[in-house]
Amino acid sequence: MNRRRYLAIRLVALIASVLWTGIAAAQAPVKWSARLARRDVMVPTRDGIKLHTEIYTPKGHTERMPIILTRSPYGVLFGRDAEGFPNGLSQYEELIKDGFIIVLQDIRGKSRSEGQFVMLRPPHDPADPKGIDESTDAYDTIDWLLKNLPNHNGKVGMMGVSYMGGRP
């Protein structure tokens, strides 16, 4: 083998090695515990039922932060990583970097939330002050967050797809 060919093969191997290392580093698991403070609470609703809620606050932010709320019938983002953080937190990566507080909640009657689950519960009678539906649970949750969560700026947004995006 001539020297030129040998050097070319070595150069290709070096480039492949650097690229492979970059790909492996990009796929390394995120250490959420270094970036987020975690709080697990049961949020009370107007009829006394408590909804399982997980709150993830970015560490190191000094300014007040907006809140993003996702309510789900599927369990708070399925599975957990080795640190006990939900596997699906990476979908909030950019919001976390921008200083959003992420709030994930199991809807009534699902996973660790109390109450009876009714898929697409019909709207309650407005004349009934104790009436409940998806919107009253969301309202009660937002009200609780604004009264009990420190370092927020008073702004709350909701996001989701499928069931989580279709109803407040």
N, C-alpha and C. Protein backbone atom coordinates (compact mmCIF):
# COMPACT_ATOMS: atom_id res chain seq x y z
N MET A 1 0.86 -1.17 0.00
CA MET A 1 0.00 0.00 0.00
C MET A 1 0.91 1.24 0.00
N ASN A 2 0.62 2.17 -0.90
CA ASN A 2 1.46 3.36 -0.93
C ASN A 2 1.09 4.32 0.20
N ARG A 3 1.99 5.22 0.46
CA ARG A 3 1.84 6.14 1.61
C ARG A 3 0.60 7.03 1.46
N ARG A 4 0.31 7.50 0.27
CA ARG A 4 -0.86 8.36 0.04
C ARG A 4 -2.16 7.65 0.40
N ARG A 5 -2.28 6.43 -0.07
CA ARG A 5 -3.49 5.65 0.21
C ARG A 5 -3.60 5.38 1.70
N TYR A 6 -2.50 5.05 2.34
CA TYR A 6 -2.48 4.80 3.78
C TYR A 6 -2.95 6.04 4.54
N LEU A 7 -2.43 7.23 4.17
CA LEU A 7 -2.84 8.47 4.84
C LEU A 7 -4.32 8.79 4.58
N ALA A 8 -4.78 8.52 3.37
CA ALA A 8 -6.19 8.76 3.06
C ALA A 8 -7.10 7.87 3.92
N ILE A 9 -6.74 6.60 4.05
CA ILE A 9 -7.53 5.69 4.89
C ILE A 9 -7.51 6.15 6.34
N ARG A 10 -6.37 6.57 6.82
CA ARG A 10 -6.26 7.07 8.21
C ARG A 10 -7.11 8.33 8.40
N LEU A 11 -7.10 9.21 7.41
CA LEU A 11 -7.88 10.44 7.49
C LEU A 11 -9.37 10.12 7.52
N VAL A 12 -9.83 9.23 6.69
CA VAL A 12 -11.24 8.82 6.68
C VAL A 12 -11.61 8.20 8.02
N ALA A 13 -10.75 7.36 8.56
CA ALA A 13 -11.01 6.74 9.86
C ALA A 13 -11.09 7.79 10.96
N LEU A 14 -10.22 8.79 10.91
CA LEU A 14 -10.23 9.86 11.91
C LEU A 14 -11.53 10.67 11.82
N ILE A 15 -11.92 11.02 10.60
CA ILE A 15 -13.16 11.79 10.41
C ILE A 15 -14.36 10.97 10.89
N ALA A 16 -14.41 9.70 10.55
CA ALA A 16 -15.50 8.83 11.00
C ALA A 16 -15.54 8.75 12.52
N SER A 17 -14.39 8.67 13.13
CA SER A 17 -14.31 8.60 14.60
C SER A 17 -14.85 9.87 15.24
N VAL A 18 -14.46 11.02 14.69
CA VAL A 18 -14.94 12.30 15.22
C VAL A 18 -16.45 12.41 15.05
N LEU A 19 -16.95 12.05 13.86
CA LEU A 19 -18.39 12.10 13.64
C LEU A 19 -19.14 11.16 14.56
N TRP A 20 -18.64 9.96 14.73
CA TRP A 20 -19.29 8.98 15.61
C TRP A 20 -19.33 9.48 17.05
N THR A 21 -18.25 10.10 17.51
CA THR A 21 -18.21 10.65 18.87
C THR A 21 -19.25 11.75 19.01
N GLY A 22 -19.39 12.61 18.00
CA GLY A 22 -20.39 13.67 18.02
C GLY A 22 -21.80 13.14 18.07
N ILE A 23 -22.06 12.10 17.29
CA ILE A 23 -23.39 11.48 17.28
C ILE A 23 -23.69 10.86 18.64
N ALA A 24 -22.72 10.14 19.19
CA ALA A 24 -22.91 9.51 20.51
C ALA A 24 -23.15 10.56 21.58
N ALA A 25 -22.42 11.68 21.52
CA ALA A 25 -22.61 12.73 22.52
C ALA A 25 -23.99 13.36 22.37
N ALA A 26 -24.45 13.53 21.13
CA ALA A 26 -25.77 14.12 20.90
C ALA A 26 -26.88 13.23 21.43
N GLN A 27 -26.64 11.92 21.50
CA GLN A 27 -27.65 11.00 21.97
C GLN A 27 -27.52 10.67 23.45
N ALA A 28 -26.54 11.28 24.11
CA ALA A 28 -26.37 11.02 25.55
C ALA A 28 -27.61 11.50 26.28
N PRO A 29 -28.04 10.77 27.30
CA PRO A 29 -29.24 11.18 28.02
C PRO A 29 -29.06 12.51 28.73
N VAL A 30 -30.12 13.30 28.75
CA VAL A 30 -30.10 14.59 29.41
C VAL A 30 -30.14 14.36 30.92
N LYS A 31 -29.34 15.09 31.66
CA LYS A 31 -29.37 15.04 33.13
C LYS A 31 -30.33 16.13 33.61
N TRP A 32 -31.60 15.79 33.66
CA TRP A 32 -32.62 16.77 34.04
C TRP A 32 -32.42 17.29 35.46
N SER A 33 -31.92 16.46 36.36
CA SER A 33 -31.77 16.89 37.76
C SER A 33 -30.82 18.07 37.89
N ALA A 34 -29.90 18.23 36.97
CA ALA A 34 -28.98 19.36 37.01
C ALA A 34 -29.65 20.63 36.48
N ARG A 35 -30.73 20.47 35.73
CA ARG A 35 -31.36 21.61 35.08
C ARG A 35 -32.73 21.99 35.64
N LEU A 36 -33.39 21.02 36.33
CA LEU A 36 -34.77 21.26 36.76
C LEU A 36 -34.98 20.90 38.22
N ALA A 37 -35.74 21.74 38.91
CA ALA A 37 -36.24 21.39 40.23
C ALA A 37 -37.59 20.71 40.00
N ARG A 38 -37.83 19.63 40.73
CA ARG A 38 -39.05 18.84 40.52
C ARG A 38 -39.92 18.87 41.77
N ARG A 39 -41.22 19.01 41.55
CA ARG A 39 -42.18 19.02 42.65
C ARG A 39 -43.38 18.17 42.25
N ASP A 40 -43.81 17.29 43.11
CA ASP A 40 -44.94 16.40 42.87
C ASP A 40 -46.04 16.79 43.85
N VAL A 41 -47.21 17.19 43.33
CA VAL A 41 -48.30 17.66 44.20
C VAL A 41 -49.63 17.06 43.76
N MET A 42 -50.59 17.12 44.65
CA MET A 42 -51.97 16.74 44.36
C MET A 42 -52.79 18.04 44.41
N VAL A 43 -53.26 18.49 43.26
CA VAL A 43 -53.98 19.76 43.16
C VAL A 43 -55.46 19.52 43.41
N PRO A 44 -56.05 20.23 44.40
CA PRO A 44 -57.47 20.05 44.69
C PRO A 44 -58.37 20.74 43.67
N THR A 45 -59.51 20.12 43.38
CA THR A 45 -60.51 20.72 42.50
C THR A 45 -61.71 21.14 43.33
N ARG A 46 -62.65 21.82 42.72
CA ARG A 46 -63.80 22.38 43.43
C ARG A 46 -64.67 21.34 44.12
N ASP A 47 -64.65 20.09 43.66
CA ASP A 47 -65.46 19.06 44.30
C ASP A 47 -64.63 18.18 45.25
N GLY A 48 -63.40 18.59 45.53
CA GLY A 48 -62.57 17.87 46.51
C GLY A 48 -61.67 16.80 45.93
N ILE A 49 -61.83 16.45 44.66
CA ILE A 49 -60.96 15.47 44.01
C ILE A 49 -59.58 16.12 43.83
N LYS A 50 -58.53 15.31 43.97
CA LYS A 50 -57.16 15.82 43.81
C LYS A 50 -56.53 15.22 42.56
N LEU A 51 -55.86 16.09 41.79
CA LEU A 51 -55.25 15.69 40.53
C LEU A 51 -53.73 15.64 40.65
N HIS A 52 -53.16 14.50 40.28
CA HIS A 52 -51.71 14.33 40.33
C HIS A 52 -51.05 15.28 39.34
N THR A 53 -50.10 16.05 39.85
CA THR A 53 -49.46 17.10 39.06
C THR A 53 -47.96 17.12 39.36
N GLU A 54 -47.15 17.18 38.30
CA GLU A 54 -45.70 17.30 38.44
C GLU A 54 -45.28 18.65 37.89
N ILE A 55 -44.43 19.34 38.65
CA ILE A 55 -43.99 20.69 38.29
C ILE A 55 -42.48 20.66 38.11
N TYR A 56 -42.00 21.16 36.97
CA TYR A 56 -40.58 21.20 36.66
C TYR A 56 -40.17 22.65 36.42
N THR A 57 -39.33 23.17 37.33
CA THR A 57 -38.92 24.56 37.27
C THR A 57 -37.44 24.63 36.89
N PRO A 58 -37.10 25.39 35.83
CA PRO A 58 -35.70 25.51 35.44
C PRO A 58 -34.87 26.12 36.57
N LYS A 59 -33.71 25.53 36.82
CA LYS A 59 -32.79 26.05 37.84
C LYS A 59 -31.99 27.20 37.24
N GLY A 60 -31.64 28.15 38.10
CA GLY A 60 -30.76 29.23 37.68
C GLY A 60 -31.44 30.43 37.05
N HIS A 61 -32.77 30.41 36.90
CA HIS A 61 -33.47 31.56 36.34
C HIS A 61 -33.84 32.50 37.48
N THR A 62 -33.48 33.76 37.34
CA THR A 62 -33.76 34.73 38.40
C THR A 62 -35.05 35.51 38.13
N GLU A 63 -35.44 35.61 36.86
CA GLU A 63 -36.67 36.34 36.54
C GLU A 63 -37.88 35.43 36.73
N ARG A 64 -39.04 36.06 36.84
CA ARG A 64 -40.28 35.29 36.95
C ARG A 64 -40.56 34.60 35.61
N MET A 65 -41.13 33.40 35.68
CA MET A 65 -41.27 32.58 34.49
C MET A 65 -42.72 32.27 34.15
N PRO A 66 -43.03 32.13 32.86
CA PRO A 66 -44.37 31.68 32.46
C PRO A 66 -44.51 30.17 32.69
N ILE A 67 -45.75 29.72 32.69
CA ILE A 67 -46.07 28.31 32.95
C ILE A 67 -46.66 27.69 31.68
N ILE A 68 -46.24 26.48 31.37
CA ILE A 68 -46.89 25.67 30.32
C ILE A 68 -47.52 24.46 31.03
N LEU A 69 -48.82 24.27 30.82
CA LEU A 69 -49.55 23.18 31.44
C LEU A 69 -49.98 22.17 30.38
N THR A 70 -49.71 20.91 30.63
CA THR A 70 -50.20 19.82 29.78
C THR A 70 -50.96 18.85 30.67
N ARG A 71 -52.22 18.62 30.33
CA ARG A 71 -53.07 17.68 31.07
C ARG A 71 -53.26 16.45 30.19
N SER A 72 -53.11 15.26 30.75
CA SER A 72 -53.11 14.06 29.93
C SER A 72 -53.88 12.89 30.55
N PRO A 73 -54.60 12.13 29.72
CA PRO A 73 -55.21 10.90 30.21
C PRO A 73 -54.26 9.71 30.09
N TYR A 74 -53.08 9.93 29.52
CA TYR A 74 -52.16 8.84 29.20
C TYR A 74 -51.12 8.57 30.28
N GLY A 75 -51.17 9.26 31.39
CA GLY A 75 -50.11 9.15 32.40
C GLY A 75 -49.09 10.22 32.09
N VAL A 76 -48.53 10.81 33.10
CA VAL A 76 -47.62 11.94 32.91
C VAL A 76 -46.43 11.49 32.05
N LEU A 77 -46.57 11.69 30.76
CA LEU A 77 -45.52 11.45 29.75
C LEU A 77 -44.91 10.07 29.74
N PHE A 78 -45.66 9.06 30.05
CA PHE A 78 -45.18 7.67 29.95
C PHE A 78 -43.81 7.51 30.61
N GLY A 79 -43.32 6.41 30.89
CA GLY A 79 -42.01 6.01 31.39
C GLY A 79 -41.12 7.08 32.02
N ARG A 80 -40.11 6.59 32.70
CA ARG A 80 -39.17 7.46 33.42
C ARG A 80 -37.74 7.10 33.05
N ASP A 81 -36.85 8.10 33.17
CA ASP A 81 -35.43 7.83 32.97
C ASP A 81 -34.82 7.35 34.28
N ALA A 82 -33.51 7.15 34.31
CA ALA A 82 -32.83 6.61 35.49
C ALA A 82 -32.93 7.55 36.69
N GLU A 83 -33.18 8.88 36.41
CA GLU A 83 -33.30 9.85 37.49
C GLU A 83 -34.74 10.00 37.97
N GLY A 84 -35.67 9.30 37.33
CA GLY A 84 -37.07 9.40 37.70
C GLY A 84 -37.82 10.51 36.99
N PHE A 85 -37.20 11.16 36.00
CA PHE A 85 -37.86 12.21 35.24
C PHE A 85 -38.59 11.59 34.06
N PRO A 86 -39.74 12.17 33.64
CA PRO A 86 -40.48 11.62 32.50
C PRO A 86 -39.63 11.60 31.23
N ASN A 87 -39.71 10.51 30.48
CA ASN A 87 -38.96 10.40 29.23
C ASN A 87 -39.33 11.49 28.23
N GLY A 88 -40.56 11.95 28.25
CA GLY A 88 -41.03 12.93 27.27
C GLY A 88 -40.65 14.37 27.54
N LEU A 89 -39.88 14.64 28.58
CA LEU A 89 -39.51 16.03 28.88
C LEU A 89 -38.74 16.68 27.73
N SER A 90 -38.06 15.90 26.93
CA SER A 90 -37.26 16.47 25.85
C SER A 90 -38.12 17.26 24.86
N GLN A 91 -39.42 16.96 24.77
CA GLN A 91 -40.28 17.74 23.87
C GLN A 91 -40.44 19.18 24.35
N TYR A 92 -40.10 19.44 25.61
CA TYR A 92 -40.19 20.78 26.18
C TYR A 92 -38.82 21.47 26.24
N GLU A 93 -37.81 20.87 25.63
CA GLU A 93 -36.42 21.33 25.72
C GLU A 93 -36.27 22.84 25.46
N GLU A 94 -36.81 23.32 24.37
CA GLU A 94 -36.64 24.74 24.03
C GLU A 94 -37.38 25.64 25.03
N LEU A 95 -38.55 25.21 25.47
CA LEU A 95 -39.29 26.00 26.47
C LEU A 95 -38.53 26.04 27.79
N ILE A 96 -37.93 24.94 28.18
CA ILE A 96 -37.13 24.89 29.41
C ILE A 96 -35.94 25.84 29.29
N LYS A 97 -35.27 25.81 28.15
CA LYS A 97 -34.12 26.72 27.92
C LYS A 97 -34.55 28.17 28.01
N ASP A 98 -35.79 28.45 27.54
CA ASP A 98 -36.30 29.82 27.56
C ASP A 98 -36.88 30.22 28.92
N GLY A 99 -36.85 29.31 29.89
CA GLY A 99 -37.27 29.66 31.23
C GLY A 99 -38.74 29.44 31.53
N PHE A 100 -39.37 28.47 30.89
CA PHE A 100 -40.76 28.14 31.19
C PHE A 100 -40.82 27.10 32.31
N ILE A 101 -41.79 27.25 33.19
CA ILE A 101 -42.10 26.23 34.19
C ILE A 101 -43.01 25.23 33.48
N ILE A 102 -42.66 23.95 33.54
CA ILE A 102 -43.44 22.91 32.87
C ILE A 102 -44.28 22.19 33.92
N VAL A 103 -45.59 22.13 33.68
CA VAL A 103 -46.52 21.46 34.60
C VAL A 103 -47.23 20.36 33.83
N LEU A 104 -47.12 19.14 34.34
CA LEU A 104 -47.74 17.97 33.72
C LEU A 104 -48.77 17.39 34.68
N GLN A 105 -49.96 17.08 34.18
CA GLN A 105 -51.02 16.63 35.07
C GLN A 105 -51.78 15.45 34.49
N ASP A 106 -52.05 14.47 35.34
CA ASP A 106 -52.94 13.36 34.97
C ASP A 106 -54.37 13.85 35.17
N ILE A 107 -55.22 13.67 34.16
CA ILE A 107 -56.60 14.14 34.31
C ILE A 107 -57.37 13.28 35.31
N ARG A 108 -58.52 13.74 35.68
CA ARG A 108 -59.40 13.09 36.65
C ARG A 108 -59.57 11.60 36.34
N GLY A 109 -59.28 10.78 37.36
CA GLY A 109 -59.50 9.34 37.25
C GLY A 109 -58.43 8.56 36.50
N LYS A 110 -57.36 9.18 36.09
CA LYS A 110 -56.31 8.50 35.34
C LYS A 110 -55.00 8.53 36.12
N SER A 111 -54.23 7.45 35.98
CA SER A 111 -52.93 7.30 36.63
C SER A 111 -53.05 7.57 38.13
N ARG A 112 -52.36 8.58 38.64
CA ARG A 112 -52.38 8.81 40.09
C ARG A 112 -53.37 9.89 40.52
N SER A 113 -54.21 10.36 39.60
CA SER A 113 -55.24 11.34 39.97
C SER A 113 -56.46 10.63 40.53
N GLU A 114 -57.15 11.29 41.44
CA GLU A 114 -58.36 10.74 42.04
C GLU A 114 -59.55 10.96 41.10
N GLY A 115 -60.68 10.38 41.46
CA GLY A 115 -61.92 10.61 40.74
C GLY A 115 -62.20 9.56 39.69
N GLN A 116 -63.32 9.74 39.01
CA GLN A 116 -63.76 8.80 37.98
C GLN A 116 -63.43 9.38 36.61
N PHE A 117 -62.76 8.58 35.79
CA PHE A 117 -62.45 9.00 34.43
C PHE A 117 -63.68 8.84 33.54
N VAL A 118 -63.97 9.88 32.78
CA VAL A 118 -65.01 9.84 31.76
C VAL A 118 -64.38 10.43 30.50
N MET A 119 -64.23 9.60 29.47
CA MET A 119 -63.62 10.07 28.23
C MET A 119 -64.49 11.16 27.62
N LEU A 120 -63.90 12.32 27.42
CA LEU A 120 -64.59 13.48 26.85
C LEU A 120 -65.87 13.79 27.63
N ARG A 121 -65.70 13.97 28.92
CA ARG A 121 -66.81 14.32 29.82
C ARG A 121 -67.58 15.50 29.23
N PRO A 122 -68.92 15.42 29.20
CA PRO A 122 -69.70 16.54 28.64
C PRO A 122 -69.58 17.78 29.53
N PRO A 123 -69.78 18.96 28.95
CA PRO A 123 -69.73 20.19 29.74
C PRO A 123 -70.76 20.17 30.86
N HIS A 124 -70.39 20.74 32.01
CA HIS A 124 -71.31 20.77 33.15
C HIS A 124 -72.35 21.87 32.99
N ASP A 125 -73.42 21.76 33.76
CA ASP A 125 -74.48 22.78 33.77
C ASP A 125 -73.93 24.02 34.47
N PRO A 126 -73.88 25.16 33.79
CA PRO A 126 -73.35 26.38 34.42
C PRO A 126 -74.11 26.80 35.67
N ALA A 127 -75.35 26.38 35.82
CA ALA A 127 -76.14 26.73 37.00
C ALA A 127 -75.70 25.93 38.23
N ASP A 128 -74.93 24.87 38.03
CA ASP A 128 -74.47 24.03 39.13
C ASP A 128 -73.06 24.45 39.53
N PRO A 129 -72.90 25.16 40.70
CA PRO A 129 -71.58 25.64 41.10
C PRO A 129 -70.60 24.50 41.43
N LYS A 130 -71.12 23.31 41.70
CA LYS A 130 -70.25 22.16 41.99
C LYS A 130 -70.05 21.27 40.75
N GLY A 131 -70.63 21.68 39.62
CA GLY A 131 -70.49 20.91 38.39
C GLY A 131 -69.03 20.84 37.96
N ILE A 132 -68.68 19.73 37.34
CA ILE A 132 -67.30 19.54 36.91
C ILE A 132 -67.26 19.07 35.46
N ASP A 133 -66.17 19.41 34.80
CA ASP A 133 -65.84 18.90 33.48
C ASP A 133 -64.36 19.19 33.26
N GLU A 134 -63.88 18.96 32.04
CA GLU A 134 -62.46 19.18 31.77
C GLU A 134 -62.07 20.64 32.01
N SER A 135 -62.94 21.57 31.62
CA SER A 135 -62.59 22.99 31.76
C SER A 135 -62.55 23.43 33.22
N THR A 136 -63.42 22.89 34.08
CA THR A 136 -63.37 23.29 35.49
C THR A 136 -62.11 22.73 36.16
N ASP A 137 -61.72 21.50 35.78
CA ASP A 137 -60.49 20.94 36.34
C ASP A 137 -59.27 21.75 35.89
N ALA A 138 -59.26 22.16 34.61
CA ALA A 138 -58.16 22.98 34.11
C ALA A 138 -58.15 24.34 34.82
N TYR A 139 -59.32 24.94 34.96
CA TYR A 139 -59.43 26.24 35.64
C TYR A 139 -58.93 26.13 37.08
N ASP A 140 -59.39 25.10 37.80
CA ASP A 140 -58.98 24.93 39.19
C ASP A 140 -57.48 24.70 39.30
N THR A 141 -56.92 23.99 38.34
CA THR A 141 -55.47 23.75 38.34
C THR A 141 -54.71 25.05 38.13
N ILE A 142 -55.11 25.82 37.14
CA ILE A 142 -54.44 27.10 36.86
C ILE A 142 -54.57 28.03 38.05
N ASP A 143 -55.75 28.09 38.65
CA ASP A 143 -55.97 28.93 39.83
C ASP A 143 -55.02 28.50 40.96
N TRP A 144 -54.91 27.20 41.19
CA TRP A 144 -54.03 26.69 42.24
C TRP A 144 -52.57 27.03 41.94
N LEU A 145 -52.15 26.84 40.69
CA LEU A 145 -50.76 27.15 40.32
C LEU A 145 -50.44 28.61 40.58
N LEU A 146 -51.32 29.50 40.17
CA LEU A 146 -51.07 30.94 40.34
C LEU A 146 -51.02 31.35 41.81
N LYS A 147 -51.74 30.64 42.66
CA LYS A 147 -51.75 30.96 44.08
C LYS A 147 -50.64 30.26 44.87
N ASN A 148 -50.12 29.16 44.37
CA ASN A 148 -49.20 28.33 45.17
C ASN A 148 -47.82 28.12 44.58
N LEU A 149 -47.61 28.50 43.36
CA LEU A 149 -46.33 28.26 42.70
C LEU A 149 -45.49 29.53 42.74
N PRO A 150 -44.30 29.48 43.34
CA PRO A 150 -43.46 30.68 43.39
C PRO A 150 -42.78 30.93 42.03
N ASN A 151 -42.33 32.15 41.85
CA ASN A 151 -41.49 32.57 40.71
C ASN A 151 -42.17 32.51 39.34
N HIS A 152 -43.51 32.50 39.30
CA HIS A 152 -44.18 32.58 38.00
C HIS A 152 -44.50 34.04 37.69
N ASN A 153 -44.77 34.33 36.43
CA ASN A 153 -45.07 35.71 36.04
C ASN A 153 -46.56 35.95 35.79
N GLY A 154 -47.40 34.98 36.16
CA GLY A 154 -48.84 35.14 36.01
C GLY A 154 -49.38 34.68 34.67
N LYS A 155 -48.51 34.23 33.77
CA LYS A 155 -48.95 33.79 32.44
C LYS A 155 -48.91 32.27 32.38
N VAL A 156 -50.04 31.68 31.91
CA VAL A 156 -50.15 30.23 31.80
C VAL A 156 -50.64 29.89 30.40
N GLY A 157 -49.92 28.99 29.74
CA GLY A 157 -50.34 28.48 28.44
C GLY A 157 -50.55 26.98 28.56
N MET A 158 -51.35 26.44 27.65
CA MET A 158 -51.57 25.00 27.63
C MET A 158 -51.12 24.48 26.28
N MET A 159 -50.60 23.26 26.26
CA MET A 159 -50.23 22.66 25.00
C MET A 159 -50.47 21.16 25.02
N GLY A 160 -50.58 20.58 23.84
CA GLY A 160 -50.76 19.16 23.73
C GLY A 160 -51.29 18.78 22.36
N VAL A 161 -51.23 17.51 22.07
CA VAL A 161 -51.78 16.98 20.82
C VAL A 161 -52.77 15.88 21.16
N SER A 162 -53.57 15.50 20.20
CA SER A 162 -54.57 14.46 20.41
C SER A 162 -55.50 14.91 21.52
N TYR A 163 -55.75 14.06 22.49
CA TYR A 163 -56.66 14.41 23.60
C TYR A 163 -56.18 15.67 24.33
N MET A 164 -54.87 15.76 24.55
CA MET A 164 -54.32 16.85 25.35
C MET A 164 -54.45 18.20 24.67
N GLY A 165 -54.60 18.25 23.37
CA GLY A 165 -54.73 19.51 22.67
C GLY A 165 -56.16 19.88 22.34
N GLY A 166 -57.08 18.96 22.55
CA GLY A 166 -58.45 19.19 22.11
C GLY A 166 -59.36 19.83 23.12
N ARG A 167 -59.00 19.79 24.38
CA ARG A 167 -59.88 20.32 25.42
C ARG A 167 -59.06 21.08 26.44
N PRO A 168 -59.62 22.15 27.00
CA PRO A 168 -58.91 22.88 28.06
C PRO A 168 -58.95 22.12 29.37
